[in-house]
Amino acid sequence: MFIVAITGGIASGKSTVSKVFQDNGIPVIDADKIARQIVEPGTPCWHKIKEAFGDEVFLPTREINRVALGKAIFNDKELRGKLNKITHPVIHRTIFKEVFKNFMTGKAWIVLDLPLLFETGILMDFIHKIICVTCDPDKQLKRLIERNELSEEDAKKRIESQMPLEKKCEKSHFVIDNNGSIEETQAAAQRICNMMKESKQHWRNRLSLLGFVLAIVFVLYYINKIFSIFPSLGSIKN
């Protein structure tokens, strides 16, 4: 199995690209979706957030008030770090579990939708290809203001909290320009998806893993054989 990661900036269009892969039957692990699930009422992260931030960031329904929490953390770097300390380890463990589950079920490849891929560095050593979804700064700002109903100042703070899009593009294997129509973005994503479908990388990865396992088996076998020939090597005499 190999991993393809989709990253980009907030409101750059990652969800549009991820959906193309989903529609092609490719498993997509969405970090944002996991981040929402782990803070549902009653979860360990929910309790830790309540303890750290107080009742001001909760709705009467006991759900987290994302507007209030967002305003708090994007106005205070220390509070943002405190929230990341609570949620990031759980998000990362959940992602690892999902990746392992897909590997064990024999999937050829999967997609990780990771907005903060470069910021956190999670699974970087295991990712085969990285796709960055980008758009012009003005469009990104406009989309974020409209989507999240934010003031221009608050939207800018959220964008500035992430690595600049141009740097993410430089570090990626593919760049999808999302300045045009949805259809153009979907077509670009489909072309990459088709390339990945034709890749034999998953076979190379599985053969490498098989070779590693066989090497360990042979080493253990010969160690056992040596001890059976020279039993005194297997014990320590006083």
Foldseek 3Di string as FASTA:
>chain_A
DAEEEEAEFQQLCSVLLVVLCVVVVAAEAELVVVLQVQCAPPHPLVVVCCVVPNPPQADPVSHGNCVRLLVVCLVPVVSVVVSCVSRVVVSLVVVVVVVVVCVVVPDLYHYYHDHQCVVVVRPVVRHDFYEYRGEDPVVSLVSCCVVVVDDSVSSVSRRVVHDDRVVVVVVGPHYQYPHDDSVSSSVSSVVVSVVVVPDPVSVVVVVVVVVVVVVVVVVVVVVVVVCVVVVVVVDDDD
